[in-house]
Amino acid sequence: MKFSKQDTRYESEFTKFLKDLKQKDPTLEQKQREGRALLWDKAPLDLDARQRAEASRIKQQAYVYQTKH
């Protein structure tokens, strides 16, 4: 049995669903990109600000629930 030739006419139900969804809403991919940019794509880090924040961090005591009385 050879696997090199595959039946290219087959489309899964999921592929058909996605094609149908994209036809109904042509702006769907652009909306997805905007949503991703809003939630995941972050601005580059400012290394100076990060270094200042690290330097100004107060060290946490070993056992945070113990009071120093």
C-alpha atoms as a PDB file:
ATOM      1  CA  MET A   1       0.000   0.000   0.000  1.00  0.00           C
ATOM      2  CA  LYS A   2       1.479   3.331  -1.071  1.00  0.00           C
ATOM      3  CA  PHE A   3       0.932   6.465   0.998  1.00  0.00           C
ATOM      4  CA  SER A   4       2.423   8.878  -1.522  1.00  0.00           C
ATOM      5  CA  LYS A   5      -0.821   9.343  -3.425  1.00  0.00           C
ATOM      6  CA  GLN A   6      -3.588  10.614  -1.202  1.00  0.00           C
ATOM      7  CA  ASP A   7      -7.158  11.301  -2.087  1.00  0.00           C
ATOM      8  CA  THR A   8      -7.213  15.101  -2.297  1.00  0.00           C
ATOM      9  CA  ARG A   9     -10.975  15.230  -2.798  1.00  0.00           C
ATOM     10  CA  TYR A  10     -11.700  14.371   0.835  1.00  0.00           C
ATOM     11  CA  GLU A  11     -12.700  17.240   3.124  1.00  0.00           C
ATOM     12  CA  SER A  12     -13.388  16.710   6.787  1.00  0.00           C
ATOM     13  CA  GLU A  13     -16.510  18.073   8.425  1.00  0.00           C
ATOM     14  CA  PHE A  14     -14.389  20.546  10.360  1.00  0.00           C
ATOM     15  CA  THR A  15     -12.787  21.893   7.181  1.00  0.00           C
ATOM     16  CA  LYS A  16     -16.210  22.299   5.614  1.00  0.00           C
ATOM     17  CA  PHE A  17     -17.444  24.079   8.743  1.00  0.00           C
ATOM     18  CA  LEU A  18     -14.511  26.520   8.683  1.00  0.00           C
ATOM     19  CA  LYS A  19     -14.962  27.270   4.985  1.00  0.00           C
ATOM     20  CA  ASP A  20     -18.670  27.899   5.545  1.00  0.00           C
ATOM     21  CA  LEU A  21     -17.944  30.119   8.543  1.00  0.00           C
ATOM     22  CA  LYS A  22     -15.406  32.184   6.591  1.00  0.00           C
ATOM     23  CA  GLN A  23     -17.863  32.582   3.720  1.00  0.00           C
ATOM     24  CA  LYS A  24     -20.569  33.855   6.079  1.00  0.00           C
ATOM     25  CA  ASP A  25     -18.209  36.347   7.757  1.00  0.00           C
ATOM     26  CA  PRO A  26     -15.342  37.407   5.464  1.00  0.00           C
ATOM     27  CA  THR A  27     -13.858  39.650   8.169  1.00  0.00           C
ATOM     28  CA  LEU A  28     -13.476  36.762  10.617  1.00  0.00           C
ATOM     29  CA  GLU A  29      -9.729  36.293  10.090  1.00  0.00           C
ATOM     30  CA  GLN A  30      -9.075  40.013  10.522  1.00  0.00           C
ATOM     31  CA  LYS A  31     -11.088  39.998  13.765  1.00  0.00           C
ATOM     32  CA  GLN A  32      -9.054  37.029  14.991  1.00  0.00           C
ATOM     33  CA  ARG A  33      -5.798  38.859  14.263  1.00  0.00           C
ATOM     34  CA  GLU A  34      -7.016  41.972  16.101  1.00  0.00           C
ATOM     35  CA  GLY A  35      -8.067  39.884  19.108  1.00  0.00           C
ATOM     36  CA  ARG A  36      -4.723  38.146  19.185  1.00  0.00           C
ATOM     37  CA  ALA A  37      -2.889  41.461  18.992  1.00  0.00           C
ATOM     38  CA  LEU A  38      -4.994  42.776  21.858  1.00  0.00           C
ATOM     39  CA  LEU A  39      -4.368  39.842  24.181  1.00  0.00           C
ATOM     40  CA  TRP A  40      -1.076  38.241  23.175  1.00  0.00           C
ATOM     41  CA  ASP A  41       1.144  40.527  21.135  1.00  0.00           C
ATOM     42  CA  LYS A  42       3.002  42.686  23.620  1.00  0.00           C
ATOM     43  CA  ALA A  43       5.139  45.764  23.164  1.00  0.00           C
ATOM     44  CA  PRO A  44       8.899  45.257  23.380  1.00  0.00           C
ATOM     45  CA  LEU A  45      10.320  45.316  26.893  1.00  0.00           C
ATOM     46  CA  ASP A  46      11.967  48.461  28.159  1.00  0.00           C
ATOM     47  CA  LEU A  47      15.111  46.996  29.689  1.00  0.00           C
ATOM     48  CA  ASP A  48      15.902  50.079  31.790  1.00  0.00           C
ATOM     49  CA  ALA A  49      12.438  50.127  33.355  1.00  0.00           C
ATOM     50  CA  ARG A  50      12.624  46.407  34.023  1.00  0.00           C
ATOM     51  CA  GLN A  51      16.031  46.754  35.673  1.00  0.00           C
ATOM     52  CA  ARG A  52      14.735  49.595  37.896  1.00  0.00           C
ATOM     53  CA  ALA A  53      11.702  47.510  38.884  1.00  0.00           C
ATOM     54  CA  GLU A  54      13.899  44.541  39.780  1.00  0.00           C
ATOM     55  CA  ALA A  55      16.218  46.760  41.825  1.00  0.00           C
ATOM     56  CA  SER A  56      13.339  48.341  43.755  1.00  0.00           C
ATOM     57  CA  ARG A  57      11.678  45.030  44.617  1.00  0.00           C
ATOM     58  CA  ILE A  58      11.449  44.324  48.351  1.00  0.00           C
ATOM     59  CA  LYS A  59      12.612  40.869  49.374  1.00  0.00           C
ATOM     60  CA  GLN A  60       9.828  38.695  50.769  1.00  0.00           C
ATOM     61  CA  GLN A  61      10.448  37.084  54.144  1.00  0.00           C
ATOM     62  CA  ALA A  62      10.846  33.326  54.243  1.00  0.00           C
ATOM     63  CA  TYR A  63       7.558  32.600  55.968  1.00  0.00           C
ATOM     64  CA  VAL A  64       5.053  35.255  54.939  1.00  0.00           C
ATOM     65  CA  TYR A  65       2.418  34.485  57.568  1.00  0.00           C
ATOM     66  CA  GLN A  66       4.746  34.847  60.527  1.00  0.00           C
ATOM     67  CA  THR A  67       4.639  38.255  62.174  1.00  0.00           C
ATOM     68  CA  LYS A  68       7.744  39.959  63.503  1.00  0.00           C
ATOM     69  CA  HIS A  69       6.639  40.685  67.094  1.00  0.00           C
END
